[in-house]
Full PDB file with SEQRES, HELIX, SHEET, SSBOND, CRYST1, ORIGX, SCALE, CONECT and MASTER records, all heavy atoms in Angstrom:
SEQRES   1 A   29  MET ILE ASP GLY GLU ASP TYR GLU LYS ARG ILE THR GLU          
SEQRES   2 A   29  PHE TRP LYS ALA LYS GLN GLU LEU PRO PRO GLU GLY LYS          
SEQRES   3 A   29  TRP HIS LYS                                                  
HELIX    1 AA1 GLY A    4  LYS A   16  1                                  13    
HELIX    2 AA2 GLU A   24  HIS A   28  1                                   5    
CRYST1    1.000    1.000    1.000  90.00  90.00  90.00 P 1           1          
ORIGX1      1.000000  0.000000  0.000000        0.00000                         
ORIGX2      0.000000  1.000000  0.000000        0.00000                         
ORIGX3      0.000000  0.000000  1.000000        0.00000                         
SCALE1      1.000000  0.000000  0.000000        0.00000                         
SCALE2      0.000000  1.000000  0.000000        0.00000                         
SCALE3      0.000000  0.000000  1.000000        0.00000                         
ATOM      1  N   MET A   1      -7.816-105.165  -7.198  1.00  0.00           N  
ATOM      2  CA  MET A   1      -7.762-105.675  -5.836  1.00  0.00           C  
ATOM      3  C   MET A   1      -9.118-106.154  -5.331  1.00  0.00           C  
ATOM      4  O   MET A   1      -9.186-107.076  -4.519  1.00  0.00           O  
ATOM      5  CB  MET A   1      -7.232-104.566  -4.917  1.00  0.00           C  
ATOM      6  CG  MET A   1      -7.010-104.947  -3.471  1.00  0.00           C  
ATOM      7  SD  MET A   1      -6.162-103.604  -2.588  1.00  0.00           S  
ATOM      8  CE  MET A   1      -7.384-102.304  -2.746  1.00  0.00           C  
ATOM      9  N   ILE A   2     -10.202-105.542  -5.790  1.00  0.00           N  
ATOM     10  CA  ILE A   2     -11.512-105.902  -5.272  1.00  0.00           C  
ATOM     11  C   ILE A   2     -11.902-107.315  -5.708  1.00  0.00           C  
ATOM     12  O   ILE A   2     -11.388-107.851  -6.692  1.00  0.00           O  
ATOM     13  CB  ILE A   2     -12.601-104.892  -5.708  1.00  0.00           C  
ATOM     14  CG1 ILE A   2     -12.697-104.807  -7.233  1.00  0.00           C  
ATOM     15  CG2 ILE A   2     -12.332-103.531  -5.098  1.00  0.00           C  
ATOM     16  CD1 ILE A   2     -13.805-103.877  -7.724  1.00  0.00           C  
ATOM     17  N   ASP A   3     -12.809-107.899  -4.961  1.00  0.00           N  
ATOM     18  CA  ASP A   3     -13.278-109.248  -5.259  1.00  0.00           C  
ATOM     19  C   ASP A   3     -13.827-109.338  -6.680  1.00  0.00           C  
ATOM     20  O   ASP A   3     -14.441-108.390  -7.186  1.00  0.00           O  
ATOM     21  CB  ASP A   3     -14.368-109.628  -4.242  1.00  0.00           C  
ATOM     22  CG  ASP A   3     -14.984-110.981  -4.525  1.00  0.00           C  
ATOM     23  OD1 ASP A   3     -14.343-111.995  -4.218  1.00  0.00           O  
ATOM     24  OD2 ASP A   3     -16.121-111.011  -5.064  1.00  0.00           O  
ATOM     25  N   GLY A   4     -13.619-110.498  -7.327  1.00  0.00           N  
ATOM     26  CA  GLY A   4     -14.022-110.674  -8.708  1.00  0.00           C  
ATOM     27  C   GLY A   4     -15.510-110.459  -8.942  1.00  0.00           C  
ATOM     28  O   GLY A   4     -15.920-109.833  -9.923  1.00  0.00           O  
ATOM     29  N   GLU A   5     -16.347-110.986  -8.052  1.00  0.00           N  
ATOM     30  CA  GLU A   5     -17.784-110.790  -8.190  1.00  0.00           C  
ATOM     31  C   GLU A   5     -18.162-109.329  -8.010  1.00  0.00           C  
ATOM     32  O   GLU A   5     -19.044-108.809  -8.710  1.00  0.00           O  
ATOM     33  CB  GLU A   5     -18.533-111.663  -7.181  1.00  0.00           C  
ATOM     34  CG  GLU A   5     -18.476-113.159  -7.472  1.00  0.00           C  
ATOM     35  CD  GLU A   5     -19.336-113.971  -6.525  1.00  0.00           C  
ATOM     36  OE1 GLU A   5     -20.075-113.346  -5.725  1.00  0.00           O  
ATOM     37  OE2 GLU A   5     -19.282-115.216  -6.594  1.00  0.00           O  
ATOM     38  N   ASP A   6     -17.507-108.671  -7.063  1.00  0.00           N  
ATOM     39  CA  ASP A   6     -17.761-107.257  -6.832  1.00  0.00           C  
ATOM     40  C   ASP A   6     -17.347-106.440  -8.046  1.00  0.00           C  
ATOM     41  O   ASP A   6     -18.056-105.511  -8.459  1.00  0.00           O  
ATOM     42  CB  ASP A   6     -17.000-106.798  -5.586  1.00  0.00           C  
ATOM     43  CG  ASP A   6     -17.378-105.396  -5.144  1.00  0.00           C  
ATOM     44  OD1 ASP A   6     -18.516-104.960  -5.421  1.00  0.00           O  
ATOM     45  OD2 ASP A   6     -16.531-104.737  -4.502  1.00  0.00           O  
ATOM     46  N   TYR A   7     -16.195-106.775  -8.617  1.00  0.00           N  
ATOM     47  CA  TYR A   7     -15.727-106.107  -9.830  1.00  0.00           C  
ATOM     48  C   TYR A   7     -16.745-106.242 -10.949  1.00  0.00           C  
ATOM     49  O   TYR A   7     -17.118-105.262 -11.607  1.00  0.00           O  
ATOM     50  CB  TYR A   7     -14.378-106.687 -10.253  1.00  0.00           C  
ATOM     51  CG  TYR A   7     -13.991-106.385 -11.679  1.00  0.00           C  
ATOM     52  CD1 TYR A   7     -13.602-105.106 -12.063  1.00  0.00           C  
ATOM     53  CD2 TYR A   7     -14.015-107.392 -12.646  1.00  0.00           C  
ATOM     54  CE1 TYR A   7     -13.241-104.837 -13.383  1.00  0.00           C  
ATOM     55  CE2 TYR A   7     -13.648-107.130 -13.962  1.00  0.00           C  
ATOM     56  CZ  TYR A   7     -13.271-105.853 -14.330  1.00  0.00           C  
ATOM     57  OH  TYR A   7     -12.919-105.591 -15.641  1.00  0.00           O  
ATOM     58  N   GLU A   8     -17.211-107.459 -11.186  1.00  0.00           N  
ATOM     59  CA  GLU A   8     -18.172-107.675 -12.278  1.00  0.00           C  
ATOM     60  C   GLU A   8     -19.479-106.927 -12.020  1.00  0.00           C  
ATOM     61  O   GLU A   8     -20.054-106.342 -12.933  1.00  0.00           O  
ATOM     62  CB  GLU A   8     -18.444-109.171 -12.451  1.00  0.00           C  
ATOM     63  CG  GLU A   8     -19.363-109.476 -13.631  1.00  0.00           C  
ATOM     64  CD  GLU A   8     -19.292-110.912 -14.102  1.00  0.00           C  
ATOM     65  OE1 GLU A   8     -18.425-111.664 -13.600  1.00  0.00           O  
ATOM     66  OE2 GLU A   8     -20.077-111.288 -14.987  1.00  0.00           O  
ATOM     67  N   LYS A   9     -19.928-106.918 -10.778  1.00  0.00           N  
ATOM     68  CA  LYS A   9     -21.169-106.217 -10.442  1.00  0.00           C  
ATOM     69  C   LYS A   9     -21.040-104.720 -10.687  1.00  0.00           C  
ATOM     70  O   LYS A   9     -21.913-104.095 -11.304  1.00  0.00           O  
ATOM     71  CB  LYS A   9     -21.532-106.488  -8.978  1.00  0.00           C  
ATOM     72  CG  LYS A   9     -22.792-105.782  -8.475  1.00  0.00           C  
ATOM     73  CD  LYS A   9     -23.096-106.194  -7.035  1.00  0.00           C  
ATOM     74  CE  LYS A   9     -24.347-105.489  -6.504  1.00  0.00           C  
ATOM     75  NZ  LYS A   9     -24.147-104.067  -6.318  1.00  0.00           N  
ATOM     76  N   ARG A  10     -19.938-104.151 -10.230  1.00  0.00           N  
ATOM     77  CA  ARG A  10     -19.765-102.696 -10.348  1.00  0.00           C  
ATOM     78  C   ARG A  10     -19.581-102.258 -11.792  1.00  0.00           C  
ATOM     79  O   ARG A  10     -20.190-101.277 -12.227  1.00  0.00           O  
ATOM     80  CB  ARG A  10     -18.565-102.250  -9.509  1.00  0.00           C  
ATOM     81  CG  ARG A  10     -18.757-102.419  -8.026  1.00  0.00           C  
ATOM     82  CD  ARG A  10     -17.847-101.455  -7.301  1.00  0.00           C  
ATOM     83  NE  ARG A  10     -17.353-101.948  -6.044  1.00  0.00           N  
ATOM     84  CZ  ARG A  10     -16.642-101.220  -5.213  1.00  0.00           C  
ATOM     85  NH1 ARG A  10     -16.309 -99.980  -5.518  1.00  0.00           N  
ATOM     86  NH2 ARG A  10     -16.224-101.720  -4.064  1.00  0.00           N  
ATOM     87  N   ILE A  11     -18.747-102.955 -12.536  1.00  0.00           N  
ATOM     88  CA  ILE A  11     -18.503-102.528 -13.913  1.00  0.00           C  
ATOM     89  C   ILE A  11     -19.725-102.790 -14.785  1.00  0.00           C  
ATOM     90  O   ILE A  11     -19.979-102.053 -15.743  1.00  0.00           O  
ATOM     91  CB  ILE A  11     -17.236-103.202 -14.491  1.00  0.00           C  
ATOM     92  CG1 ILE A  11     -16.747-102.424 -15.725  1.00  0.00           C  
ATOM     93  CG2 ILE A  11     -17.463-104.674 -14.797  1.00  0.00           C  
ATOM     94  CD1 ILE A  11     -15.370-102.823 -16.194  1.00  0.00           C  
ATOM     95  N   THR A  12     -20.504-103.808 -14.439  1.00  0.00           N  
ATOM     96  CA  THR A  12     -21.746-104.071 -15.169  1.00  0.00           C  
ATOM     97  C   THR A  12     -22.743-102.941 -14.942  1.00  0.00           C  
ATOM     98  O   THR A  12     -23.375-102.448 -15.879  1.00  0.00           O  
ATOM     99  CB  THR A  12     -22.352-105.413 -14.728  1.00  0.00           C  
ATOM    100  OG1 THR A  12     -21.429-106.478 -15.015  1.00  0.00           O  
ATOM    101  CG2 THR A  12     -23.670-105.676 -15.457  1.00  0.00           C  
ATOM    102  N   GLU A  13     -22.896-102.508 -13.695  1.00  0.00           N  
ATOM    103  CA  GLU A  13     -23.790-101.397 -13.390  1.00  0.00           C  
ATOM    104  C   GLU A  13     -23.335-100.121 -14.093  1.00  0.00           C  
ATOM    105  O   GLU A  13     -24.158 -99.358 -14.606  1.00  0.00           O  
ATOM    106  CB  GLU A  13     -23.861-101.176 -11.883  1.00  0.00           C  
ATOM    107  CG  GLU A  13     -24.584-102.286 -11.125  1.00  0.00           C  
ATOM    108  CD  GLU A  13     -24.535-102.102  -9.626  1.00  0.00           C  
ATOM    109  OE1 GLU A  13     -23.773-101.198  -9.162  1.00  0.00           O  
ATOM    110  OE2 GLU A  13     -25.231-102.860  -8.908  1.00  0.00           O  
ATOM    111  N   PHE A  14     -22.031 -99.894 -14.113  1.00  0.00           N  
ATOM    112  CA  PHE A  14     -21.483 -98.718 -14.769  1.00  0.00           C  
ATOM    113  C   PHE A  14     -21.797 -98.738 -16.263  1.00  0.00           C  
ATOM    114  O   PHE A  14     -22.240 -97.743 -16.838  1.00  0.00           O  
ATOM    115  CB  PHE A  14     -19.970 -98.662 -14.553  1.00  0.00           C  
ATOM    116  CG  PHE A  14     -19.275 -97.544 -15.275  1.00  0.00           C  
ATOM    117  CD1 PHE A  14     -19.237 -96.283 -14.726  1.00  0.00           C  
ATOM    118  CD2 PHE A  14     -18.656 -97.760 -16.501  1.00  0.00           C  
ATOM    119  CE1 PHE A  14     -18.592 -95.242 -15.385  1.00  0.00           C  
ATOM    120  CE2 PHE A  14     -18.016 -96.721 -17.166  1.00  0.00           C  
ATOM    121  CZ  PHE A  14     -17.989 -95.471 -16.612  1.00  0.00           C  
ATOM    122  N   TRP A  15     -21.579 -99.876 -16.900  1.00  0.00           N  
ATOM    123  CA  TRP A  15     -21.793 -99.995 -18.337  1.00  0.00           C  
ATOM    124  C   TRP A  15     -23.277 -99.878 -18.686  1.00  0.00           C  
ATOM    125  O   TRP A  15     -23.637 -99.192 -19.645  1.00  0.00           O  
ATOM    126  CB  TRP A  15     -21.228-101.334 -18.835  1.00  0.00           C  
ATOM    127  CG  TRP A  15     -21.163-101.465 -20.319  1.00  0.00           C  
ATOM    128  CD1 TRP A  15     -22.212-101.726 -21.159  1.00  0.00           C  
ATOM    129  CD2 TRP A  15     -20.014-101.357 -21.147  1.00  0.00           C  
ATOM    130  NE1 TRP A  15     -21.770-101.782 -22.454  1.00  0.00           N  
ATOM    131  CE2 TRP A  15     -20.426-101.555 -22.475  1.00  0.00           C  
ATOM    132  CE3 TRP A  15     -18.666-101.115 -20.898  1.00  0.00           C  
ATOM    133  CZ2 TRP A  15     -19.537-101.533 -23.559  1.00  0.00           C  
ATOM    134  CZ3 TRP A  15     -17.779-101.081 -21.968  1.00  0.00           C  
ATOM    135  CH2 TRP A  15     -18.223-101.288 -23.275  1.00  0.00           C  
ATOM    136  N   LYS A  16     -24.134-100.544 -17.905  1.00  0.00           N  
ATOM    137  CA  LYS A  16     -25.569-100.532 -18.182  1.00  0.00           C  
ATOM    138  C   LYS A  16     -26.163 -99.135 -18.107  1.00  0.00           C  
ATOM    139  O   LYS A  16     -27.159 -98.833 -18.764  1.00  0.00           O  
ATOM    140  CB  LYS A  16     -26.297-101.470 -17.219  1.00  0.00           C  
ATOM    141  CG  LYS A  16     -26.112-102.950 -17.532  1.00  0.00           C  
ATOM    142  CD  LYS A  16     -26.692-103.825 -16.443  1.00  0.00           C  
ATOM    143  CE  LYS A  16     -28.186-103.736 -16.380  1.00  0.00           C  
ATOM    144  NZ  LYS A  16     -28.733-104.716 -15.380  1.00  0.00           N  
ATOM    145  N   ALA A  17     -25.555 -98.288 -17.280  1.00  0.00           N  
ATOM    146  CA  ALA A  17     -26.043 -96.918 -17.169  1.00  0.00           C  
ATOM    147  C   ALA A  17     -25.731 -96.098 -18.409  1.00  0.00           C  
ATOM    148  O   ALA A  17     -26.292 -95.016 -18.593  1.00  0.00           O  
ATOM    149  CB  ALA A  17     -25.438 -96.243 -15.942  1.00  0.00           C  
ATOM    150  N   LYS A  18     -24.863 -96.605 -19.259  1.00  0.00           N  
ATOM    151  CA  LYS A  18     -24.438 -95.848 -20.426  1.00  0.00           C  
ATOM    152  C   LYS A  18     -24.872 -96.473 -21.743  1.00  0.00           C  
ATOM    153  O   LYS A  18     -25.190 -95.770 -22.696  1.00  0.00           O  
ATOM    154  CB  LYS A  18     -22.911 -95.700 -20.413  1.00  0.00           C  
ATOM    155  CG  LYS A  18     -22.402 -94.892 -19.223  1.00  0.00           C  
ATOM    156  CD  LYS A  18     -20.900 -94.762 -19.227  1.00  0.00           C  
ATOM    157  CE  LYS A  18     -20.417 -93.949 -18.040  1.00  0.00           C  
ATOM    158  NZ  LYS A  18     -20.881 -92.539 -18.079  1.00  0.00           N  
ATOM    159  N   GLN A  19     -24.881 -97.793 -21.819  1.00  0.00           N  
ATOM    160  CA  GLN A  19     -25.280 -98.446 -23.051  1.00  0.00           C  
ATOM    161  C   GLN A  19     -25.635 -99.909 -22.784  1.00  0.00           C  
ATOM    162  O   GLN A  19     -25.404-100.436 -21.696  1.00  0.00           O  
ATOM    163  CB  GLN A  19     -24.179 -98.353 -24.111  1.00  0.00           C  
ATOM    164  CG  GLN A  19     -22.886 -99.030 -23.751  1.00  0.00           C  
ATOM    165  CD  GLN A  19     -21.794 -98.738 -24.769  1.00  0.00           C  
ATOM    166  OE1 GLN A  19     -21.399 -97.611 -24.962  1.00  0.00           O  
ATOM    167  NE2 GLN A  19     -21.311 -99.759 -25.428  1.00  0.00           N  
ATOM    168  N   GLU A  20     -26.190-100.547 -23.788  1.00  0.00           N  
ATOM    169  CA  GLU A  20     -26.639-101.925 -23.651  1.00  0.00           C  
ATOM    170  C   GLU A  20     -25.456-102.873 -23.478  1.00  0.00           C  
ATOM    171  O   GLU A  20     -24.405-102.709 -24.095  1.00  0.00           O  
ATOM    172  CB  GLU A  20     -27.445-102.323 -24.893  1.00  0.00           C  
ATOM    173  CG  GLU A  20     -28.090-103.696 -24.810  1.00  0.00           C  
ATOM    174  CD  GLU A  20     -28.919-104.027 -26.026  1.00  0.00           C  
ATOM    175  OE1 GLU A  20     -29.114-103.116 -26.866  1.00  0.00           O  
ATOM    176  OE2 GLU A  20     -29.375-105.186 -26.156  1.00  0.00           O  
ATOM    177  N   LEU A  21     -25.651-103.860 -22.632  1.00  0.00           N  
ATOM    178  CA  LEU A  21     -24.607-104.846 -22.398  1.00  0.00           C  
ATOM    179  C   LEU A  21     -24.448-105.775 -23.591  1.00  0.00           C  
ATOM    180  O   LEU A  21     -25.425-106.101 -24.270  1.00  0.00           O  
ATOM    181  CB  LEU A  21     -24.930-105.694 -21.168  1.00  0.00           C  
ATOM    182  CG  LEU A  21     -24.691-105.098 -19.785  1.00  0.00           C  
ATOM    183  CD1 LEU A  21     -25.115-106.105 -18.723  1.00  0.00           C  
ATOM    184  CD2 LEU A  21     -23.228-104.739 -19.585  1.00  0.00           C  
ATOM    185  N   PRO A  22     -23.228-106.238 -23.863  1.00  0.00           N  
ATOM    186  CA  PRO A  22     -23.031-107.293 -24.856  1.00  0.00           C  
ATOM    187  C   PRO A  22     -23.649-108.606 -24.346  1.00  0.00           C  
ATOM    188  O   PRO A  22     -24.055-108.698 -23.187  1.00  0.00           O  
ATOM    189  CB  PRO A  22     -21.505-107.410 -24.940  1.00  0.00           C  
ATOM    190  CG  PRO A  22     -20.963-106.196 -24.258  1.00  0.00           C  
ATOM    191  CD  PRO A  22     -21.970-105.763 -23.274  1.00  0.00           C  
ATOM    192  N   PRO A  23     -23.737-109.618 -25.196  1.00  0.00           N  
ATOM    193  CA  PRO A  23     -24.217-110.931 -24.721  1.00  0.00           C  
ATOM    194  C   PRO A  23     -23.427-111.394 -23.499  1.00  0.00           C  
ATOM    195  O   PRO A  23     -22.237-111.091 -23.365  1.00  0.00           O  
ATOM    196  CB  PRO A  23     -23.980-111.850 -25.930  1.00  0.00           C  
ATOM    197  CG  PRO A  23     -23.985-110.925 -27.108  1.00  0.00           C  
ATOM    198  CD  PRO A  23     -23.415-109.634 -26.637  1.00  0.00           C  
ATOM    199  N   GLU A  24     -24.085-112.123 -22.611  1.00  0.00           N  
ATOM    200  CA  GLU A  24     -23.503-112.459 -21.315  1.00  0.00           C  
ATOM    201  C   GLU A  24     -22.126-113.122 -21.424  1.00  0.00           C  
ATOM    202  O   GLU A  24     -21.186-112.758 -20.716  1.00  0.00           O  
ATOM    203  CB  GLU A  24     -24.460-113.359 -20.538  1.00  0.00           C  
ATOM    204  CG  GLU A  24     -23.976-113.671 -19.128  1.00  0.00           C  
ATOM    205  CD  GLU A  24     -25.009-114.449 -18.330  1.00  0.00           C  
ATOM    206  OE1 GLU A  24     -26.171-114.504 -18.759  1.00  0.00           O  
ATOM    207  OE2 GLU A  24     -24.631-114.996 -17.276  1.00  0.00           O  
ATOM    208  N   GLY A  25     -22.019-114.120 -22.289  1.00  0.00           N  
ATOM    209  CA  GLY A  25     -20.751-114.822 -22.426  1.00  0.00           C  
ATOM    210  C   GLY A  25     -19.639-113.905 -22.896  1.00  0.00           C  
ATOM    211  O   GLY A  25     -18.517-113.935 -22.374  1.00  0.00           O  
ATOM    212  N   LYS A  26     -19.935-113.067 -23.858  1.00  0.00           N  
ATOM    213  CA  LYS A  26     -18.942-112.137 -24.380  1.00  0.00           C  
ATOM    214  C   LYS A  26     -18.583-111.084 -23.336  1.00  0.00           C  
ATOM    215  O   LYS A  26     -17.420-110.678 -23.224  1.00  0.00           O  
ATOM    216  CB  LYS A  26     -19.476-111.467 -25.647  1.00  0.00           C  
ATOM    217  CG  LYS A  26     -18.468-110.576 -26.348  1.00  0.00           C  
ATOM    218  CD  LYS A  26     -18.996-110.076 -27.683  1.00  0.00           C  
ATOM    219  CE  LYS A  26     -17.951-109.236 -28.406  1.00  0.00           C  
ATOM    220  NZ  LYS A  26     -18.411-108.778 -29.738  1.00  0.00           N  
ATOM    221  N   TRP A  27     -19.580-110.640 -22.563  1.00  0.00           N  
ATOM    222  CA  TRP A  27     -19.343-109.617 -21.551  1.00  0.00           C  
ATOM    223  C   TRP A  27     -18.366-110.111 -20.483  1.00  0.00           C  
ATOM    224  O   TRP A  27     -17.444-109.402 -20.106  1.00  0.00           O  
ATOM    225  CB  TRP A  27     -20.666-109.195 -20.911  1.00  0.00           C  
ATOM    226  CG  TRP A  27     -20.539-108.245 -19.760  1.00  0.00           C  
ATOM    227  CD1 TRP A  27     -20.881-108.472 -18.460  1.00  0.00           C  
ATOM    228  CD2 TRP A  27     -20.042-106.904 -19.811  1.00  0.00           C  
ATOM    229  NE1 TRP A  27     -20.636-107.375 -17.687  1.00  0.00           N  
ATOM    230  CE2 TRP A  27     -20.114-106.393 -18.485  1.00  0.00           C  
ATOM    231  CE3 TRP A  27     -19.531-106.095 -20.832  1.00  0.00           C  
ATOM    232  CZ2 TRP A  27     -19.713-105.102 -18.167  1.00  0.00           C  
ATOM    233  CZ3 TRP A  27     -19.122-104.809 -20.498  1.00  0.00           C  
ATOM    234  CH2 TRP A  27     -19.217-104.333 -19.189  1.00  0.00           C  
ATOM    235  N   HIS A  28     -18.562-111.329 -20.013  1.00  0.00           N  
ATOM    236  CA  HIS A  28     -17.670-111.885 -19.002  1.00  0.00           C  
ATOM    237  C   HIS A  28     -16.245-111.991 -19.522  1.00  0.00           C  
ATOM    238  O   HIS A  28     -15.290-111.654 -18.817  1.00  0.00           O  
ATOM    239  CB  HIS A  28     -18.169-113.257 -18.538  1.00  0.00           C  
ATOM    240  CG  HIS A  28     -17.335-113.851 -17.453  1.00  0.00           C  
ATOM    241  ND1 HIS A  28     -17.369-113.426 -16.138  1.00  0.00           N  
ATOM    242  CD2 HIS A  28     -16.392-114.844 -17.504  1.00  0.00           C  
ATOM    243  CE1 HIS A  28     -16.505-114.106 -15.417  1.00  0.00           C  
ATOM    244  NE2 HIS A  28     -15.903-114.974 -16.222  1.00  0.00           N  
ATOM    245  N   LYS A  29     -16.096-112.453 -20.760  1.00  0.00           N  
ATOM    246  CA  LYS A  29     -14.764-112.532 -21.367  1.00  0.00           C  
ATOM    247  C   LYS A  29     -14.134-111.148 -21.458  1.00  0.00           C  
ATOM    248  O   LYS A  29     -12.953-110.967 -21.167  1.00  0.00           O  
ATOM    249  CB  LYS A  29     -14.848-113.145 -22.763  1.00  0.00           C  
ATOM    250  CG  LYS A  29     -15.028-114.654 -22.811  1.00  0.00           C  
ATOM    251  CD  LYS A  29     -14.966-115.121 -24.260  1.00  0.00           C  
ATOM    252  CE  LYS A  29     -15.101-116.634 -24.381  1.00  0.00           C  
ATOM    253  NZ  LYS A  29     -15.042-117.079 -25.809  1.00  0.00           N  
TER     254      LYS A  29                                                      
MASTER        0    0    0    2    0    0    0    6  253    1    0    3          
END                                                                             
């Protein structure tokens, strides 16, 4: 339900706190 940008921001912060992010293009997909 939350806004798409808000969703991406929150889940990105959550993931970064635990492990390295995948490449940007792959992460968005």
